Amino acid sequence: MPPFRQMKNVSPPDPRRRRLIGLVVLGGLVVLLCVLFPRVLAFTERAARELRYLWWLVLLVAVGLWFFFFFGRKKG
């Protein structure tokens, strides 16, 4: 083992980059499922249409998740 090994970067990955990669992978998965299974495409289209009427439910779930993560953290 050489005495002067080059140090590796061990810093955690950038959170914005991880989030972007996760969104791209999720989007790719949805597209792949829609191509492989046409019923998934029909479900996705119908769900998008129904969001016009159920936007308040999506908002309620989003606020609930936000409260869960915001108030669920232990300070200290």
C-alpha atoms as a PDB file:
ATOM      1  CA  MET A   1       0.000   0.000   0.000  1.00  0.00           C
ATOM      2  CA  PRO A   2       1.564   3.332  -1.019  1.00  0.00           C
ATOM      3  CA  PRO A   3       2.205   5.733   1.846  1.00  0.00           C
ATOM      4  CA  PHE A   4       0.677   8.732   0.022  1.00  0.00           C
ATOM      5  CA  ARG A   5      -2.691   7.496  -1.143  1.00  0.00           C
ATOM      6  CA  GLN A   6      -4.948  10.016  -2.757  1.00  0.00           C
ATOM      7  CA  MET A   7      -7.822  11.023  -0.464  1.00  0.00           C
ATOM      8  CA  LYS A   8     -11.357  10.313  -1.651  1.00  0.00           C
ATOM      9  CA  ASN A   9     -14.148  12.834  -1.329  1.00  0.00           C
ATOM     10  CA  VAL A  10     -16.394  11.491   1.433  1.00  0.00           C
ATOM     11  CA  SER A  11     -18.735  14.475   1.701  1.00  0.00           C
ATOM     12  CA  PRO A  12     -22.435  13.635   1.379  1.00  0.00           C
ATOM     13  CA  PRO A  13     -24.026  14.223  -2.022  1.00  0.00           C
ATOM     14  CA  ASP A  14     -25.777  17.507  -2.681  1.00  0.00           C
ATOM     15  CA  PRO A  15     -29.443  17.232  -1.529  1.00  0.00           C
ATOM     16  CA  ARG A  16     -30.756  19.135  -4.553  1.00  0.00           C
ATOM     17  CA  ARG A  17     -28.897  16.779  -6.870  1.00  0.00           C
ATOM     18  CA  ARG A  18     -30.293  13.726  -5.058  1.00  0.00           C
ATOM     19  CA  ARG A  19     -33.819  15.163  -5.284  1.00  0.00           C
ATOM     20  CA  LEU A  20     -33.390  15.867  -9.005  1.00  0.00           C
ATOM     21  CA  ILE A  21     -32.100  12.357  -9.646  1.00  0.00           C
ATOM     22  CA  GLY A  22     -35.026  10.910  -7.685  1.00  0.00           C
ATOM     23  CA  LEU A  23     -37.565  12.943  -9.667  1.00  0.00           C
ATOM     24  CA  VAL A  24     -35.971  11.952 -12.972  1.00  0.00           C
ATOM     25  CA  VAL A  25     -35.985   8.273 -11.974  1.00  0.00           C
ATOM     26  CA  LEU A  26     -39.617   8.515 -10.832  1.00  0.00           C
ATOM     27  CA  GLY A  27     -40.646  10.224 -14.067  1.00  0.00           C
ATOM     28  CA  GLY A  28     -38.782   7.633 -16.113  1.00  0.00           C
ATOM     29  CA  LEU A  29     -40.485   4.849 -14.191  1.00  0.00           C
ATOM     30  CA  VAL A  30     -43.924   6.325 -14.873  1.00  0.00           C
ATOM     31  CA  VAL A  31     -43.129   6.672 -18.584  1.00  0.00           C
ATOM     32  CA  LEU A  32     -41.784   3.110 -18.725  1.00  0.00           C
ATOM     33  CA  LEU A  33     -44.880   1.722 -17.019  1.00  0.00           C
ATOM     34  CA  CYS A  34     -47.133   3.699 -19.379  1.00  0.00           C
ATOM     35  CA  VAL A  35     -45.312   2.262 -22.389  1.00  0.00           C
ATOM     36  CA  LEU A  36     -45.272  -1.309 -21.079  1.00  0.00           C
ATOM     37  CA  PHE A  37     -48.803  -1.317 -19.686  1.00  0.00           C
ATOM     38  CA  PRO A  38     -51.356   0.806 -21.575  1.00  0.00           C
ATOM     39  CA  ARG A  39     -53.806   0.581 -18.659  1.00  0.00           C
ATOM     40  CA  VAL A  40     -51.323   2.531 -16.537  1.00  0.00           C
ATOM     41  CA  LEU A  41     -51.446   5.290 -19.150  1.00  0.00           C
ATOM     42  CA  ALA A  42     -55.259   5.310 -18.987  1.00  0.00           C
ATOM     43  CA  PHE A  43     -55.122   5.440 -15.178  1.00  0.00           C
ATOM     44  CA  THR A  44     -52.614   8.319 -15.276  1.00  0.00           C
ATOM     45  CA  GLU A  45     -54.754  10.290 -17.719  1.00  0.00           C
ATOM     46  CA  ARG A  46     -57.880   9.742 -15.635  1.00  0.00           C
ATOM     47  CA  ALA A  47     -56.088  10.694 -12.427  1.00  0.00           C
ATOM     48  CA  ALA A  48     -54.861  13.896 -14.057  1.00  0.00           C
ATOM     49  CA  ARG A  49     -58.435  14.738 -15.135  1.00  0.00           C
ATOM     50  CA  GLU A  50     -59.805  14.013 -11.674  1.00  0.00           C
ATOM     51  CA  LEU A  51     -57.288  16.389 -10.083  1.00  0.00           C
ATOM     52  CA  ARG A  52     -59.471  19.221 -11.359  1.00  0.00           C
ATOM     53  CA  TYR A  53     -62.121  18.112  -8.876  1.00  0.00           C
ATOM     54  CA  LEU A  54     -59.973  16.647  -6.102  1.00  0.00           C
ATOM     55  CA  TRP A  55     -57.297  19.340  -5.830  1.00  0.00           C
ATOM     56  CA  TRP A  56     -58.390  20.058  -2.263  1.00  0.00           C
ATOM     57  CA  LEU A  57     -57.691  16.424  -1.306  1.00  0.00           C
ATOM     58  CA  VAL A  58     -54.176  16.643  -2.739  1.00  0.00           C
ATOM     59  CA  LEU A  59     -53.643  19.902  -0.861  1.00  0.00           C
ATOM     60  CA  LEU A  60     -54.904  18.334   2.367  1.00  0.00           C
ATOM     61  CA  VAL A  61     -52.515  15.372   2.015  1.00  0.00           C
ATOM     62  CA  ALA A  62     -49.601  17.701   1.204  1.00  0.00           C
ATOM     63  CA  VAL A  63     -50.285  19.873   4.262  1.00  0.00           C
ATOM     64  CA  GLY A  64     -50.617  16.750   6.409  1.00  0.00           C
ATOM     65  CA  LEU A  65     -47.248  15.431   5.207  1.00  0.00           C
ATOM     66  CA  TRP A  66     -45.678  18.826   5.777  1.00  0.00           C
ATOM     67  CA  PHE A  67     -46.992  18.931   9.358  1.00  0.00           C
ATOM     68  CA  PHE A  68     -45.869  15.346   9.924  1.00  0.00           C
ATOM     69  CA  PHE A  69     -42.276  16.077   8.908  1.00  0.00           C
ATOM     70  CA  PHE A  70     -42.128  19.599  10.367  1.00  0.00           C
ATOM     71  CA  PHE A  71     -43.531  18.821  13.795  1.00  0.00           C
ATOM     72  CA  GLY A  72     -42.226  15.249  13.887  1.00  0.00           C
ATOM     73  CA  ARG A  73     -38.598  16.333  14.117  1.00  0.00           C
ATOM     74  CA  LYS A  74     -37.120  16.249  17.571  1.00  0.00           C
ATOM     75  CA  LYS A  75     -35.266  19.434  18.383  1.00  0.00           C
ATOM     76  CA  GLY A  76     -32.058  18.947  20.262  1.00  0.00           C
END
